Structures are given as structure tokens and as C-alpha cells.
Protein backbone atom coordinates (compact mmCIF):
# COMPACT_ATOMS: atom_id res chain seq x y z
CA ILE A 1 -0.02 0.15 0.23
CA LEU A 2 2.94 2.43 0.92
CA ASN A 3 4.94 1.59 -2.36
CA PHE A 4 1.44 2.27 -4.40
CA LYS A 5 0.94 5.83 -2.39
CA LYS A 6 4.26 6.78 -3.28
CA ALA A 7 3.82 5.70 -6.92
CA LEU A 8 0.59 7.97 -7.01
CA GLY A 9 1.98 10.75 -5.35
CA ILE A 10 4.40 10.48 -9.02
CA ASN A 11 1.28 10.06 -10.90
CA PRO A 12 -1.68 11.10 -9.50
CA ARG A 13 -3.14 9.76 -12.74
CA SER A 14 -2.52 6.13 -12.97
CA ALA A 15 -5.74 3.95 -13.30
CA GLU A 16 -3.77 1.26 -12.82
CA THR A 17 -2.46 2.06 -9.20
CA TYR A 18 -5.68 2.78 -8.07
CA PHE A 19 -6.67 -0.11 -9.55
CA ASN A 20 -4.37 -2.67 -7.41
CA LEU A 21 -5.00 -0.23 -4.59
CA GLY A 22 -8.32 -1.51 -4.34
CA ASN A 23 -7.62 -5.07 -5.23
CA ILE A 24 -5.01 -4.93 -1.60
CA TYR A 25 -8.10 -2.77 0.38
CA ILE A 26 -10.74 -5.46 -1.03
CA LYS A 27 -8.18 -8.93 0.00
CA ARG A 28 -8.09 -7.38 3.53
CA LYS A 29 -12.07 -7.15 3.52
CA ASP A 30 -11.82 -2.81 3.63
CA TYR A 31 -14.91 -2.99 1.34
CA GLU A 32 -15.57 0.92 1.69
CA GLU A 33 -11.68 1.65 1.07
CA GLY A 34 -11.32 -1.16 -2.04
CA ILE A 35 -14.60 0.67 -3.82
CA ASN A 36 -13.42 3.96 -3.24
CA PHE A 37 -10.10 3.50 -4.88
CA TYR A 38 -12.13 1.22 -7.64
CA HIS A 39 -14.16 4.54 -8.20
CA LYS A 40 -10.96 6.56 -8.41
CA ALA A 41 -9.58 4.11 -11.05
CA ILE A 42 -12.88 4.61 -13.18
CA GLU A 43 -12.12 8.64 -12.92
CA GLN A 44 -9.03 8.51 -14.38
CA LYS A 45 -9.90 5.61 -16.95
CA PRO A 46 -13.25 5.45 -17.75
CA ASN A 47 -13.23 2.25 -19.91
CA HIS A 48 -11.31 0.92 -17.27
CA LEU A 49 -12.62 -3.13 -17.90
CA LYS A 50 -10.76 -4.58 -14.71
CA THR A 51 -12.11 -2.25 -12.27
CA TYR A 52 -16.29 -2.37 -13.40
CA TYR A 53 -15.63 -6.64 -13.76
CA ASN A 54 -13.58 -6.46 -10.21
CA LEU A 55 -16.83 -4.37 -8.90
CA GLY A 56 -19.26 -6.40 -9.44
CA ILE A 57 -17.27 -9.29 -8.05
CA THR A 58 -16.99 -6.70 -4.90
CA TYR A 59 -21.06 -6.44 -4.88
CA GLU A 60 -21.86 -9.80 -5.11
CA ALA A 61 -19.83 -10.51 -2.38
CA LEU A 62 -21.34 -7.81 -0.50
CA ASN A 63 -24.45 -9.55 -1.55
CA LYS A 64 -25.92 -6.47 -3.21
CA PRO A 65 -27.02 -8.42 -6.55
CA LEU A 66 -28.45 -5.33 -8.24
CA LYS A 67 -24.91 -3.62 -7.53
CA ALA A 68 -22.80 -6.25 -8.97
CA ALA A 69 -25.39 -6.49 -11.93
CA GLU A 70 -25.02 -3.15 -12.73
CA TYR A 71 -21.37 -3.02 -12.82
CA TYR A 72 -20.95 -6.72 -15.00
CA GLN A 73 -23.20 -4.98 -17.29
CA LYS A 74 -20.49 -2.16 -17.49
CA ALA A 75 -17.82 -4.46 -18.03
CA LEU A 76 -19.94 -6.24 -20.74
CA ALA A 77 -20.49 -3.12 -22.34
CA LEU A 78 -16.25 -2.48 -22.95
CA ASN A 79 -15.97 -6.32 -23.86
CA PRO A 80 -19.06 -8.33 -25.12
CA LYS A 81 -17.05 -11.70 -24.93
CA HIS A 82 -15.58 -11.26 -21.33
CA MET A 83 -16.78 -14.50 -20.42
CA LEU A 84 -16.12 -14.42 -16.20
CA ALA A 85 -19.01 -11.20 -16.60
CA HIS A 86 -21.52 -12.92 -18.21
CA PHE A 87 -21.05 -15.47 -15.54
CA GLY A 88 -21.12 -12.87 -12.97
CA LEU A 89 -24.43 -11.34 -14.06
CA GLY A 90 -26.04 -14.49 -14.41
CA ASN A 91 -25.07 -14.84 -10.69
CA ALA A 92 -26.21 -11.62 -9.76
CA PHE A 93 -29.77 -12.04 -11.96
CA LEU A 94 -29.83 -15.57 -10.06
CA LYS A 95 -29.54 -13.59 -6.76
CA SER A 96 -32.14 -10.86 -7.48
CA ASN A 97 -34.59 -13.92 -8.68
CA GLN A 98 -33.90 -13.34 -12.18
CA ALA A 99 -34.10 -16.93 -13.15
CA LYS A 100 -34.69 -16.37 -16.96
CA SER A 101 -31.95 -13.91 -17.02
CA ALA A 102 -29.67 -15.55 -15.01
CA LEU A 103 -30.05 -18.96 -17.62
CA LEU A 104 -29.23 -16.57 -20.29
CA GLU A 105 -25.90 -15.46 -19.30
CA TYR A 106 -25.04 -18.53 -18.31
CA LYS A 107 -25.83 -19.99 -21.96
CA GLU A 108 -23.34 -17.33 -23.56
CA ALA A 109 -20.93 -17.79 -21.20
CA ILE A 110 -20.81 -21.29 -22.29
CA ASN A 111 -20.54 -20.14 -25.75
CA LEU A 112 -17.67 -18.36 -25.25
CA ASN A 113 -15.84 -21.31 -23.16
CA PRO A 114 -17.50 -24.63 -23.35
CA GLU A 115 -15.27 -25.87 -20.70
CA HIS A 116 -16.36 -23.18 -18.06
CA ILE A 117 -17.95 -26.21 -15.31
CA PRO A 118 -19.37 -23.45 -13.03
CA SER A 119 -21.73 -22.27 -15.69
CA TYR A 120 -22.92 -25.47 -16.04
CA VAL A 121 -23.73 -26.00 -12.46
CA ASN A 122 -25.51 -22.81 -12.20
CA MET A 123 -27.34 -23.13 -15.74
CA GLY A 124 -28.51 -27.10 -14.70
CA THR A 125 -29.81 -25.44 -11.65
CA VAL A 126 -31.50 -22.29 -12.90
CA GLN A 127 -33.15 -24.95 -15.20
CA MET A 128 -33.80 -27.46 -12.36
CA GLN A 129 -35.74 -24.15 -10.47
CA LEU A 130 -37.89 -23.48 -13.71
CA GLY A 131 -39.06 -26.87 -13.58
CA ARG A 132 -37.25 -27.98 -16.80
CA PHE A 133 -36.16 -30.95 -15.47
CA ASN A 134 -35.24 -32.68 -18.66
CA GLN A 135 -32.76 -29.91 -19.53
CA GLY A 136 -30.89 -29.76 -16.40
CA ARG A 137 -30.46 -33.41 -16.31
CA ALA A 138 -29.04 -33.05 -19.58
CA THR A 139 -27.09 -29.85 -18.23
CA TYR A 140 -25.34 -32.24 -15.66
CA GLU A 141 -24.75 -35.30 -17.90
CA ALA A 142 -22.80 -32.49 -20.10
CA ILE A 143 -20.70 -31.91 -16.85
CA LEU A 144 -20.23 -35.55 -16.18
CA SER A 145 -19.30 -36.08 -19.70
CA LYS A 146 -16.23 -33.39 -19.31
CA LYS A 147 -15.54 -34.16 -15.56
CA PRO A 148 -16.31 -37.32 -14.12
CA GLY A 149 -16.47 -37.85 -10.35
CA ILE A 150 -18.37 -35.09 -9.12
CA ALA A 151 -20.60 -36.42 -6.35
CA LYS A 152 -22.91 -33.08 -6.56
CA ILE A 153 -23.46 -33.25 -9.88
CA HIS A 154 -24.88 -37.30 -9.42
CA LYS A 155 -27.32 -36.30 -6.72
CA TYR A 156 -28.55 -33.44 -8.99
CA LEU A 157 -28.62 -36.25 -11.39
CA GLY A 158 -30.62 -38.33 -9.51
CA ILE A 159 -33.17 -35.71 -8.32
CA ALA A 160 -33.52 -34.45 -12.00
CA TYR A 161 -34.69 -38.15 -13.05
CA THR A 162 -36.67 -38.74 -9.64
CA GLN A 163 -38.58 -35.24 -10.75
CA MET A 164 -38.94 -36.50 -14.40
CA LYS A 165 -40.11 -39.91 -12.97
CA GLU A 166 -39.41 -41.60 -16.07
CA SER A 167 -36.47 -43.77 -15.20
CA PRO A 168 -36.45 -44.69 -11.45
CA ASP A 169 -33.30 -46.90 -12.03
CA LYS A 170 -30.78 -44.23 -13.50
CA ALA A 171 -32.35 -41.97 -10.57
CA LEU A 172 -30.82 -44.54 -7.99
CA PHE A 173 -27.76 -45.14 -9.73
CA HIS A 174 -26.76 -41.48 -9.52
CA LEU A 175 -27.57 -41.41 -6.44
CA GLN A 176 -25.72 -44.00 -4.93
CA GLU A 177 -22.68 -42.48 -7.39
CA SER A 178 -22.87 -39.63 -5.19
CA LEU A 179 -22.97 -41.45 -1.53
CA ARG A 180 -19.66 -43.20 -3.10
CA LEU A 181 -18.06 -40.40 -3.96
CA SER A 182 -18.94 -38.64 -1.42
CA PRO A 183 -19.93 -40.96 2.06
CA ASN A 184 -20.10 -37.30 4.75
CA GLN A 185 -21.87 -34.68 2.53
CA PRO A 186 -24.30 -32.71 4.42
CA GLU A 187 -27.48 -34.21 2.52
CA VAL A 188 -26.59 -37.96 3.44
CA ALA A 189 -29.37 -38.30 5.47
CA GLN A 190 -32.02 -36.72 2.47
CA ILE A 191 -30.18 -38.74 -0.15
CA LYS A 192 -30.68 -42.33 1.71
CA SER A 193 -34.57 -41.68 2.12
CA MET A 194 -34.59 -41.01 -1.13
CA ILE A 195 -32.39 -44.21 -1.97
CA GLN A 196 -35.08 -46.34 0.14
CA ILE A 197 -38.08 -44.82 -1.84
CA LEU A 198 -36.65 -45.53 -4.97
CA THR A 199 -35.32 -48.79 -3.98
CA SER A 200 -38.87 -49.67 -3.22
CA LYS A 201 -40.46 -48.85 -6.16
CA ILE A 202 -38.08 -50.82 -8.45
CA GLY A 203 -38.60 -53.84 -6.27
């Protein structure tokens, strides 16, 4: 901090220095001071993309999704192909109960980076919330095709198949696989209860 402030004494118009100071204060959880330095960065350079994006992250961490969305959108106005800004905007929309808008942002994030697993996970969550169980199932299966062995995804698939009421055997398999991969996960009792119900139906 001392060195960056010395640098400002030499060049008080350096957006990058204000940005770096903002990052340090945010890491120290001094959000008010961090946000203050971010705004000073923008004063010096109104198109400072990284600052808008970091303000989005900061307001999301502060549980202010509408403010987060505002800054993610400003970042995207500067670079519509900023994948993580689309992902962040999706999260902000999801937290502010705008599920359909969130879904569009996750889809765009995946279009820009088809390997970004968190976008798939959150997209599947939104699809399930909207009652689009078949779409959610397809999304979760796409995740496992890219990264097998994720216990929570097997759990979500088990729930999706249970909701669809079409393939209880597949629901049972994925719930059992979730327990096998993570036997001490917080939802163990719930998963075991679902397995018992499915087993009785299949049997």
C-alpha cells in the first residue's frame, strides 16, 4: 500500500495504481476503501474494464446483486465477450430472482468457454428451479462428460431423474454414486431416504 501510494505521488493519474490499491483493500475486506479506490481508477480511465468487473465481484460478495449486475453490465458494454462477466451477471440475476435472465447469461458464458464447469452447474440449477427437468438433466450429464466423478452433480442428476419420474433406475444409480464418491456430504440423510423410496418402487 505504501509503495502504491508513493507511486500516486509521482503519477496521480494512474488508473492502474488506483486499481491495484482497490484490490489490496478488498483482499483485506476493507470494502469501503477498496470500492473508493476502484472509483478513482474509473475517474482516471472510464473504460478500465478490470475495475468494472472487480466492482461486480465486490458487490456480489457484499450480497448486493443489483449493484453487482450494474457493474458486470458495464464491463460487458466494454467487452461483450468477457466470459466471466457473463457468469457473474448470471449469478447476480439468480440472486435477484431473475432466473430466466440468469439462464441467458450462463448460456452465453458457455458459448464463450465450453469448458467452464461452474456455468454448467449454475445453468442446471436454474433449469431445475424453472421446472425444466429434462434440460437440467442434459446439462448435468454434459458436466459429467467433461469432468466425471463430481458427487454433487450425481446427486443433482438423481434428483432430476426423480422429478422426471421416467427412469427410477437412473435416479437410483446417480444417488448411489453420489454417496459412494462423497459418503460424508451434508445431505446424506436426504439422499439415503430418496434411495430407500426408489429401491422400494423398483423392487
